[in-house]
Full PDB file with SEQRES, HELIX, SHEET, SSBOND, CRYST1, ORIGX, SCALE, CONECT and MASTER records, all heavy atoms in Angstrom:
SEQRES   1 A   36  ASN THR ILE LEU ARG LEU SER GLY LEU ALA LEU LEU LEU          
SEQRES   2 A   36  CYS GLN GLY GLY ALA SER ALA GLN VAL SER THR ILE LEU          
SEQRES   3 A   36  GLN PRO PHE PRO ASN ALA ALA GLY ASN VAL                      
SHEET    1 AA1 2 ALA A  10  GLY A  16  0                                        
SHEET    2 AA1 2 SER A  19  THR A  24 -1                                        
SHEET    1 AA2 2 PRO A  30  ASN A  31  0                                        
SHEET    2 AA2 2 GLY A  34  ASN A  35 -1                                        
CRYST1    1.000    1.000    1.000  90.00  90.00  90.00 P 1           1          
ORIGX1      1.000000  0.000000  0.000000        0.00000                         
ORIGX2      0.000000  1.000000  0.000000        0.00000                         
ORIGX3      0.000000  0.000000  1.000000        0.00000                         
SCALE1      1.000000  0.000000  0.000000        0.00000                         
SCALE2      0.000000  1.000000  0.000000        0.00000                         
SCALE3      0.000000  0.000000  1.000000        0.00000                         
ATOM      1  N   ASN A   1       0.833  -1.196   0.000  1.00  0.00           N  
ATOM      2  CA  ASN A   1       0.000   0.000   0.000  1.00  0.00           C  
ATOM      3  C   ASN A   1       0.871   1.251   0.000  1.00  0.00           C  
ATOM      4  O   ASN A   1       0.906   2.022   0.937  1.00  0.00           O  
ATOM      5  CB  ASN A   1      -0.917  -0.006   1.221  1.00  0.00           C  
ATOM      6  CG  ASN A   1      -1.914  -1.128   1.135  1.00  0.00           C  
ATOM      7  OD1 ASN A   1      -2.115  -1.684   0.064  1.00  0.00           O  
ATOM      8  ND2 ASN A   1      -2.522  -1.466   2.240  1.00  0.00           N  
ATOM      9  N   THR A   2       1.566   1.411  -1.079  1.00  0.00           N  
ATOM     10  CA  THR A   2       2.421   2.584  -1.238  1.00  0.00           C  
ATOM     11  C   THR A   2       1.866   3.464  -2.323  1.00  0.00           C  
ATOM     12  O   THR A   2       1.170   3.008  -3.223  1.00  0.00           O  
ATOM     13  CB  THR A   2       3.854   2.166  -1.615  1.00  0.00           C  
ATOM     14  OG1 THR A   2       3.797   1.350  -2.778  1.00  0.00           O  
ATOM     15  CG2 THR A   2       4.503   1.392  -0.485  1.00  0.00           C  
ATOM     16  N   ILE A   3       2.193   4.732  -2.233  1.00  0.00           N  
ATOM     17  CA  ILE A   3       1.767   5.660  -3.269  1.00  0.00           C  
ATOM     18  C   ILE A   3       2.802   5.641  -4.389  1.00  0.00           C  
ATOM     19  O   ILE A   3       3.991   5.773  -4.145  1.00  0.00           O  
ATOM     20  CB  ILE A   3       1.604   7.081  -2.707  1.00  0.00           C  
ATOM     21  CG1 ILE A   3       0.428   7.091  -1.734  1.00  0.00           C  
ATOM     22  CG2 ILE A   3       1.391   8.089  -3.803  1.00  0.00           C  
ATOM     23  CD1 ILE A   3       0.168   8.438  -1.114  1.00  0.00           C  
ATOM     24  N   LEU A   4       2.323   5.470  -5.611  1.00  0.00           N  
ATOM     25  CA  LEU A   4       3.219   5.363  -6.743  1.00  0.00           C  
ATOM     26  C   LEU A   4       3.315   6.715  -7.443  1.00  0.00           C  
ATOM     27  O   LEU A   4       2.328   7.225  -7.954  1.00  0.00           O  
ATOM     28  CB  LEU A   4       2.698   4.294  -7.707  1.00  0.00           C  
ATOM     29  CG  LEU A   4       2.516   2.916  -7.055  1.00  0.00           C  
ATOM     30  CD1 LEU A   4       2.008   1.934  -8.081  1.00  0.00           C  
ATOM     31  CD2 LEU A   4       3.816   2.435  -6.451  1.00  0.00           C  
ATOM     32  N   ARG A   5       4.484   7.273  -7.464  1.00  0.00           N  
ATOM     33  CA  ARG A   5       4.701   8.574  -8.084  1.00  0.00           C  
ATOM     34  C   ARG A   5       4.843   8.423  -9.596  1.00  0.00           C  
ATOM     35  O   ARG A   5       4.925   7.328 -10.140  1.00  0.00           O  
ATOM     36  CB  ARG A   5       5.970   9.212  -7.497  1.00  0.00           C  
ATOM     37  CG  ARG A   5       5.877   9.401  -5.980  1.00  0.00           C  
ATOM     38  CD  ARG A   5       4.936  10.543  -5.634  1.00  0.00           C  
ATOM     39  NE  ARG A   5       4.669  10.591  -4.195  1.00  0.00           N  
ATOM     40  CZ  ARG A   5       3.857  11.465  -3.643  1.00  0.00           C  
ATOM     41  NH1 ARG A   5       3.229  12.344  -4.376  1.00  0.00           N  
ATOM     42  NH2 ARG A   5       3.669  11.455  -2.346  1.00  0.00           N  
ATOM     43  N   LEU A   6       4.903   9.554 -10.257  1.00  0.00           N  
ATOM     44  CA  LEU A   6       5.021   9.528 -11.712  1.00  0.00           C  
ATOM     45  C   LEU A   6       6.247   8.756 -12.169  1.00  0.00           C  
ATOM     46  O   LEU A   6       6.277   8.222 -13.264  1.00  0.00           O  
ATOM     47  CB  LEU A   6       5.089  10.962 -12.242  1.00  0.00           C  
ATOM     48  CG  LEU A   6       3.769  11.733 -12.190  1.00  0.00           C  
ATOM     49  CD1 LEU A   6       4.014  13.194 -12.544  1.00  0.00           C  
ATOM     50  CD2 LEU A   6       2.760  11.140 -13.134  1.00  0.00           C  
ATOM     51  N   SER A   7       7.278   8.702 -11.339  1.00  0.00           N  
ATOM     52  CA  SER A   7       8.469   7.964 -11.718  1.00  0.00           C  
ATOM     53  C   SER A   7       8.285   6.462 -11.584  1.00  0.00           C  
ATOM     54  O   SER A   7       9.047   5.681 -12.148  1.00  0.00           O  
ATOM     55  CB  SER A   7       9.653   8.405 -10.850  1.00  0.00           C  
ATOM     56  OG  SER A   7       9.358   8.173  -9.482  1.00  0.00           O  
ATOM     57  N   GLY A   8       7.288   6.045 -10.798  1.00  0.00           N  
ATOM     58  CA  GLY A   8       7.062   4.624 -10.593  1.00  0.00           C  
ATOM     59  C   GLY A   8       6.181   4.031 -11.665  1.00  0.00           C  
ATOM     60  O   GLY A   8       6.580   3.145 -12.396  1.00  0.00           O  
ATOM     61  N   LEU A   9       4.951   4.509 -11.726  1.00  0.00           N  
ATOM     62  CA  LEU A   9       4.000   4.213 -12.787  1.00  0.00           C  
ATOM     63  C   LEU A   9       3.330   2.851 -12.731  1.00  0.00           C  
ATOM     64  O   LEU A   9       2.383   2.627 -13.454  1.00  0.00           O  
ATOM     65  CB  LEU A   9       4.644   4.368 -14.174  1.00  0.00           C  
ATOM     66  CG  LEU A   9       5.203   5.747 -14.485  1.00  0.00           C  
ATOM     67  CD1 LEU A   9       5.772   5.759 -15.884  1.00  0.00           C  
ATOM     68  CD2 LEU A   9       4.142   6.801 -14.351  1.00  0.00           C  
ATOM     69  N   ALA A  10       3.795   1.899 -11.959  1.00  0.00           N  
ATOM     70  CA  ALA A  10       3.093   0.616 -11.909  1.00  0.00           C  
ATOM     71  C   ALA A  10       1.802   0.799 -11.137  1.00  0.00           C  
ATOM     72  O   ALA A  10       1.757   1.515 -10.152  1.00  0.00           O  
ATOM     73  CB  ALA A  10       3.954  -0.432 -11.233  1.00  0.00           C  
ATOM     74  N   LEU A  11       0.751   0.164 -11.597  1.00  0.00           N  
ATOM     75  CA  LEU A  11      -0.549   0.343 -10.945  1.00  0.00           C  
ATOM     76  C   LEU A  11      -1.398  -0.896 -11.124  1.00  0.00           C  
ATOM     77  O   LEU A  11      -1.531  -1.420 -12.216  1.00  0.00           O  
ATOM     78  CB  LEU A  11      -1.273   1.548 -11.560  1.00  0.00           C  
ATOM     79  CG  LEU A  11      -2.692   1.777 -11.062  1.00  0.00           C  
ATOM     80  CD1 LEU A  11      -2.665   2.124  -9.594  1.00  0.00           C  
ATOM     81  CD2 LEU A  11      -3.349   2.870 -11.840  1.00  0.00           C  
ATOM     82  N   LEU A  12      -1.960  -1.373 -10.053  1.00  0.00           N  
ATOM     83  CA  LEU A  12      -2.889  -2.490 -10.118  1.00  0.00           C  
ATOM     84  C   LEU A  12      -4.169  -2.025 -10.792  1.00  0.00           C  
ATOM     85  O   LEU A  12      -4.832  -1.126 -10.329  1.00  0.00           O  
ATOM     86  CB  LEU A  12      -3.203  -2.985  -8.704  1.00  0.00           C  
ATOM     87  CG  LEU A  12      -4.103  -4.212  -8.594  1.00  0.00           C  
ATOM     88  CD1 LEU A  12      -3.390  -5.427  -9.166  1.00  0.00           C  
ATOM     89  CD2 LEU A  12      -4.478  -4.447  -7.151  1.00  0.00           C  
ATOM     90  N   LEU A  13      -4.502  -2.647 -11.926  1.00  0.00           N  
ATOM     91  CA  LEU A  13      -5.671  -2.209 -12.681  1.00  0.00           C  
ATOM     92  C   LEU A  13      -6.835  -3.169 -12.558  1.00  0.00           C  
ATOM     93  O   LEU A  13      -7.972  -2.770 -12.670  1.00  0.00           O  
ATOM     94  CB  LEU A  13      -5.309  -2.058 -14.161  1.00  0.00           C  
ATOM     95  CG  LEU A  13      -4.629  -0.743 -14.521  1.00  0.00           C  
ATOM     96  CD1 LEU A  13      -4.461  -0.665 -16.018  1.00  0.00           C  
ATOM     97  CD2 LEU A  13      -5.428   0.439 -14.023  1.00  0.00           C  
ATOM     98  N   CYS A  14      -6.603  -4.422 -12.416  1.00  0.00           N  
ATOM     99  CA  CYS A  14      -7.736  -5.345 -12.354  1.00  0.00           C  
ATOM    100  C   CYS A  14      -7.279  -6.651 -11.732  1.00  0.00           C  
ATOM    101  O   CYS A  14      -6.097  -6.984 -11.754  1.00  0.00           O  
ATOM    102  CB  CYS A  14      -8.325  -5.608 -13.744  1.00  0.00           C  
ATOM    103  SG  CYS A  14      -7.185  -6.372 -14.895  1.00  0.00           S  
ATOM    104  N   GLN A  15      -8.222  -7.373 -11.209  1.00  0.00           N  
ATOM    105  CA  GLN A  15      -7.940  -8.698 -10.683  1.00  0.00           C  
ATOM    106  C   GLN A  15      -8.283  -9.693 -11.788  1.00  0.00           C  
ATOM    107  O   GLN A  15      -9.410  -9.778 -12.233  1.00  0.00           O  
ATOM    108  CB  GLN A  15      -8.791  -8.971  -9.445  1.00  0.00           C  
ATOM    109  CG  GLN A  15      -8.553  -7.984  -8.317  1.00  0.00           C  
ATOM    110  CD  GLN A  15      -7.160  -8.107  -7.729  1.00  0.00           C  
ATOM    111  OE1 GLN A  15      -6.635  -9.195  -7.634  1.00  0.00           O  
ATOM    112  NE2 GLN A  15      -6.575  -7.000  -7.353  1.00  0.00           N  
ATOM    113  N   GLY A  16      -7.316 -10.440 -12.256  1.00  0.00           N  
ATOM    114  CA  GLY A  16      -7.557 -11.349 -13.368  1.00  0.00           C  
ATOM    115  C   GLY A  16      -7.297 -12.789 -12.980  1.00  0.00           C  
ATOM    116  O   GLY A  16      -6.149 -13.202 -12.845  1.00  0.00           O  
ATOM    117  N   GLY A  17      -8.358 -13.572 -12.842  1.00  0.00           N  
ATOM    118  CA  GLY A  17      -8.199 -14.972 -12.513  1.00  0.00           C  
ATOM    119  C   GLY A  17      -7.498 -15.144 -11.175  1.00  0.00           C  
ATOM    120  O   GLY A  17      -7.761 -14.450 -10.208  1.00  0.00           O  
ATOM    121  N   ALA A  18      -6.567 -16.063 -11.134  1.00  0.00           N  
ATOM    122  CA  ALA A  18      -5.905 -16.377  -9.872  1.00  0.00           C  
ATOM    123  C   ALA A  18      -4.807 -15.393  -9.520  1.00  0.00           C  
ATOM    124  O   ALA A  18      -4.391 -15.287  -8.381  1.00  0.00           O  
ATOM    125  CB  ALA A  18      -5.315 -17.793  -9.936  1.00  0.00           C  
ATOM    126  N   SER A  19      -4.305 -14.670 -10.510  1.00  0.00           N  
ATOM    127  CA  SER A  19      -3.212 -13.736 -10.252  1.00  0.00           C  
ATOM    128  C   SER A  19      -3.593 -12.351 -10.714  1.00  0.00           C  
ATOM    129  O   SER A  19      -4.356 -12.178 -11.651  1.00  0.00           O  
ATOM    130  CB  SER A  19      -1.936 -14.194 -10.969  1.00  0.00           C  
ATOM    131  OG  SER A  19      -2.151 -14.234 -12.362  1.00  0.00           O  
ATOM    132  N   ALA A  20      -3.027 -11.359 -10.037  1.00  0.00           N  
ATOM    133  CA  ALA A  20      -3.340  -9.979 -10.375  1.00  0.00           C  
ATOM    134  C   ALA A  20      -2.620  -9.563 -11.646  1.00  0.00           C  
ATOM    135  O   ALA A  20      -1.455  -9.879 -11.850  1.00  0.00           O  
ATOM    136  CB  ALA A  20      -2.942  -9.062  -9.221  1.00  0.00           C  
ATOM    137  N   GLN A  21      -3.332  -8.847 -12.536  1.00  0.00           N  
ATOM    138  CA  GLN A  21      -2.711  -8.268 -13.708  1.00  0.00           C  
ATOM    139  C   GLN A  21      -2.225  -6.869 -13.342  1.00  0.00           C  
ATOM    140  O   GLN A  21      -2.965  -6.079 -12.781  1.00  0.00           O  
ATOM    141  CB  GLN A  21      -3.713  -8.166 -14.861  1.00  0.00           C  
ATOM    142  CG  GLN A  21      -4.196  -9.516 -15.373  1.00  0.00           C  
ATOM    143  CD  GLN A  21      -5.187  -9.336 -16.507  1.00  0.00           C  
ATOM    144  OE1 GLN A  21      -5.625  -8.236 -16.789  1.00  0.00           O  
ATOM    145  NE2 GLN A  21      -5.532 -10.421 -17.145  1.00  0.00           N  
ATOM    146  N   VAL A  22      -0.999  -6.575 -13.666  1.00  0.00           N  
ATOM    147  CA  VAL A  22      -0.441  -5.269 -13.380  1.00  0.00           C  
ATOM    148  C   VAL A  22      -0.213  -4.542 -14.689  1.00  0.00           C  
ATOM    149  O   VAL A  22       0.389  -5.071 -15.611  1.00  0.00           O  
ATOM    150  CB  VAL A  22       0.883  -5.386 -12.601  1.00  0.00           C  
ATOM    151  CG1 VAL A  22       1.476  -4.017 -12.352  1.00  0.00           C  
ATOM    152  CG2 VAL A  22       0.640  -6.089 -11.280  1.00  0.00           C  
ATOM    153  N   SER A  23      -0.746  -3.348 -14.788  1.00  0.00           N  
ATOM    154  CA  SER A  23      -0.532  -2.536 -15.971  1.00  0.00           C  
ATOM    155  C   SER A  23       0.034  -1.195 -15.529  1.00  0.00           C  
ATOM    156  O   SER A  23       0.530  -1.072 -14.416  1.00  0.00           O  
ATOM    157  CB  SER A  23      -1.856  -2.371 -16.729  1.00  0.00           C  
ATOM    158  OG  SER A  23      -1.630  -1.748 -17.974  1.00  0.00           O  
ATOM    159  N   THR A  24      -0.031  -0.218 -16.382  1.00  0.00           N  
ATOM    160  CA  THR A  24       0.557   1.077 -16.053  1.00  0.00           C  
ATOM    161  C   THR A  24      -0.433   2.187 -16.301  1.00  0.00           C  
ATOM    162  O   THR A  24      -1.363   2.067 -17.079  1.00  0.00           O  
ATOM    163  CB  THR A  24       1.817   1.332 -16.886  1.00  0.00           C  
ATOM    164  OG1 THR A  24       1.502   1.164 -18.259  1.00  0.00           O  
ATOM    165  CG2 THR A  24       2.926   0.397 -16.501  1.00  0.00           C  
ATOM    166  N   ILE A  25      -0.235   3.284 -15.615  1.00  0.00           N  
ATOM    167  CA  ILE A  25      -1.063   4.468 -15.762  1.00  0.00           C  
ATOM    168  C   ILE A  25      -0.135   5.670 -15.700  1.00  0.00           C  
ATOM    169  O   ILE A  25       1.014   5.551 -15.284  1.00  0.00           O  
ATOM    170  CB  ILE A  25      -2.135   4.522 -14.656  1.00  0.00           C  
ATOM    171  CG1 ILE A  25      -3.241   5.501 -15.018  1.00  0.00           C  
ATOM    172  CG2 ILE A  25      -1.532   4.877 -13.323  1.00  0.00           C  
ATOM    173  CD1 ILE A  25      -4.436   5.425 -14.092  1.00  0.00           C  
ATOM    174  N   LEU A  26      -0.600   6.807 -16.123  1.00  0.00           N  
ATOM    175  CA  LEU A  26       0.170   8.046 -16.136  1.00  0.00           C  
ATOM    176  C   LEU A  26       1.282   8.007 -17.172  1.00  0.00           C  
ATOM    177  O   LEU A  26       2.088   8.919 -17.249  1.00  0.00           O  
ATOM    178  CB  LEU A  26       0.743   8.373 -14.753  1.00  0.00           C  
ATOM    179  CG  LEU A  26      -0.279   8.514 -13.631  1.00  0.00           C  
ATOM    180  CD1 LEU A  26       0.419   8.728 -12.295  1.00  0.00           C  
ATOM    181  CD2 LEU A  26      -1.228   9.667 -13.902  1.00  0.00           C  
ATOM    182  N   GLN A  27       1.325   6.991 -17.981  1.00  0.00           N  
ATOM    183  CA  GLN A  27       2.207   6.961 -19.131  1.00  0.00           C  
ATOM    184  C   GLN A  27       1.309   6.789 -20.356  1.00  0.00           C  
ATOM    185  O   GLN A  27       0.173   6.345 -20.235  1.00  0.00           O  
ATOM    186  CB  GLN A  27       3.202   5.805 -19.049  1.00  0.00           C  
ATOM    187  CG  GLN A  27       2.575   4.426 -19.236  1.00  0.00           C  
ATOM    188  CD  GLN A  27       3.619   3.328 -19.282  1.00  0.00           C  
ATOM    189  OE1 GLN A  27       4.579   3.355 -18.521  1.00  0.00           O  
ATOM    190  NE2 GLN A  27       3.446   2.377 -20.159  1.00  0.00           N  
ATOM    191  N   PRO A  28       1.783   7.142 -21.538  1.00  0.00           N  
ATOM    192  CA  PRO A  28       0.945   6.996 -22.729  1.00  0.00           C  
ATOM    193  C   PRO A  28       0.699   5.527 -23.076  1.00  0.00           C  
ATOM    194  O   PRO A  28       1.569   4.680 -22.894  1.00  0.00           O  
ATOM    195  CB  PRO A  28       1.770   7.689 -23.819  1.00  0.00           C  
ATOM    196  CG  PRO A  28       2.727   8.574 -23.096  1.00  0.00           C  
ATOM    197  CD  PRO A  28       3.028   7.854 -21.820  1.00  0.00           C  
ATOM    198  N   PHE A  29      -0.501   5.243 -23.581  1.00  0.00           N  
ATOM    199  CA  PHE A  29      -0.840   3.927 -24.096  1.00  0.00           C  
ATOM    200  C   PHE A  29      -1.167   4.058 -25.578  1.00  0.00           C  
ATOM    201  O   PHE A  29      -1.889   4.978 -25.977  1.00  0.00           O  
ATOM    202  CB  PHE A  29      -2.045   3.344 -23.364  1.00  0.00           C  
ATOM    203  CG  PHE A  29      -1.777   2.917 -21.957  1.00  0.00           C  
ATOM    204  CD1 PHE A  29      -1.973   3.780 -20.898  1.00  0.00           C  
ATOM    205  CD2 PHE A  29      -1.316   1.635 -21.684  1.00  0.00           C  
ATOM    206  CE1 PHE A  29      -1.739   3.386 -19.592  1.00  0.00           C  
ATOM    207  CE2 PHE A  29      -1.069   1.225 -20.382  1.00  0.00           C  
ATOM    208  CZ  PHE A  29      -1.271   2.096 -19.335  1.00  0.00           C  
ATOM    209  N   PRO A  30      -0.684   3.161 -26.407  1.00  0.00           N  
ATOM    210  CA  PRO A  30      -0.922   3.276 -27.851  1.00  0.00           C  
ATOM    211  C   PRO A  30      -2.351   2.899 -28.232  1.00  0.00           C  
ATOM    212  O   PRO A  30      -2.987   2.074 -27.594  1.00  0.00           O  
ATOM    213  CB  PRO A  30       0.085   2.285 -28.440  1.00  0.00           C  
ATOM    214  CG  PRO A  30       0.292   1.271 -27.361  1.00  0.00           C  
ATOM    215  CD  PRO A  30       0.183   2.026 -26.060  1.00  0.00           C  
ATOM    216  N   ASN A  31      -2.838   3.533 -29.281  1.00  0.00           N  
ATOM    217  CA  ASN A  31      -4.098   3.151 -29.920  1.00  0.00           C  
ATOM    218  C   ASN A  31      -3.974   3.436 -31.410  1.00  0.00           C  
ATOM    219  O   ASN A  31      -2.907   3.856 -31.884  1.00  0.00           O  
ATOM    220  CB  ASN A  31      -5.294   3.875 -29.294  1.00  0.00           C  
ATOM    221  CG  ASN A  31      -5.135   5.382 -29.287  1.00  0.00           C  
ATOM    222  OD1 ASN A  31      -4.856   5.998 -30.313  1.00  0.00           O  
ATOM    223  ND2 ASN A  31      -5.300   5.997 -28.111  1.00  0.00           N  
ATOM    224  N   ALA A  32      -5.038   3.215 -32.162  1.00  0.00           N  
ATOM    225  CA  ALA A  32      -4.967   3.322 -33.616  1.00  0.00           C  
ATOM    226  C   ALA A  32      -4.594   4.722 -34.094  1.00  0.00           C  
ATOM    227  O   ALA A  32      -4.022   4.881 -35.177  1.00  0.00           O  
ATOM    228  CB  ALA A  32      -6.305   2.899 -34.229  1.00  0.00           C  
ATOM    229  N   ALA A  33      -4.895   5.742 -33.295  1.00  0.00           N  
ATOM    230  CA  ALA A  33      -4.634   7.120 -33.721  1.00  0.00           C  
ATOM    231  C   ALA A  33      -3.329   7.681 -33.180  1.00  0.00           C  
ATOM    232  O   ALA A  33      -2.863   8.715 -33.654  1.00  0.00           O  
ATOM    233  CB  ALA A  33      -5.788   8.022 -33.306  1.00  0.00           C  
ATOM    234  N   GLY A  34      -2.748   7.045 -32.181  1.00  0.00           N  
ATOM    235  CA  GLY A  34      -1.541   7.571 -31.565  1.00  0.00           C  
ATOM    236  C   GLY A  34      -1.391   7.046 -30.154  1.00  0.00           C  
ATOM    237  O   GLY A  34      -1.250   5.842 -29.940  1.00  0.00           O  
ATOM    238  N   ASN A  35      -1.465   7.945 -29.169  1.00  0.00           N  
ATOM    239  CA  ASN A  35      -1.345   7.541 -27.769  1.00  0.00           C  
ATOM    240  C   ASN A  35      -2.334   8.304 -26.907  1.00  0.00           C  
ATOM    241  O   ASN A  35      -2.596   9.490 -27.132  1.00  0.00           O  
ATOM    242  CB  ASN A  35       0.066   7.810 -27.249  1.00  0.00           C  
ATOM    243  CG  ASN A  35       1.094   6.873 -27.840  1.00  0.00           C  
ATOM    244  OD1 ASN A  35       1.233   5.726 -27.414  1.00  0.00           O  
ATOM    245  ND2 ASN A  35       1.816   7.345 -28.842  1.00  0.00           N  
ATOM    246  N   VAL A  36      -2.874   7.617 -25.899  1.00  0.00           N  
ATOM    247  CA  VAL A  36      -3.758   8.221 -24.915  1.00  0.00           C  
ATOM    248  C   VAL A  36      -3.030   8.250 -23.586  1.00  0.00           C  
ATOM    249  O   VAL A  36      -2.135   7.436 -23.327  1.00  0.00           O  
ATOM    250  CB  VAL A  36      -5.075   7.422 -24.786  1.00  0.00           C  
ATOM    251  CG1 VAL A  36      -4.845   6.063 -24.134  1.00  0.00           C  
ATOM    252  CG2 VAL A  36      -6.140   8.218 -24.054  1.00  0.00           C  
TER     253      VAL A  36                                                      
MASTER        0    0    0    0    4    0    0    6  252    1    0    3          
END                                                                             
């Protein structure tokens, strides 16, 4: 339970099956038009 700063960026996004999926936030994510 730590606060993740912009330099960290790892973030628990969803619980998937038996293990947690870890994704990222506050960084750009690609899509068909560019990045969000």
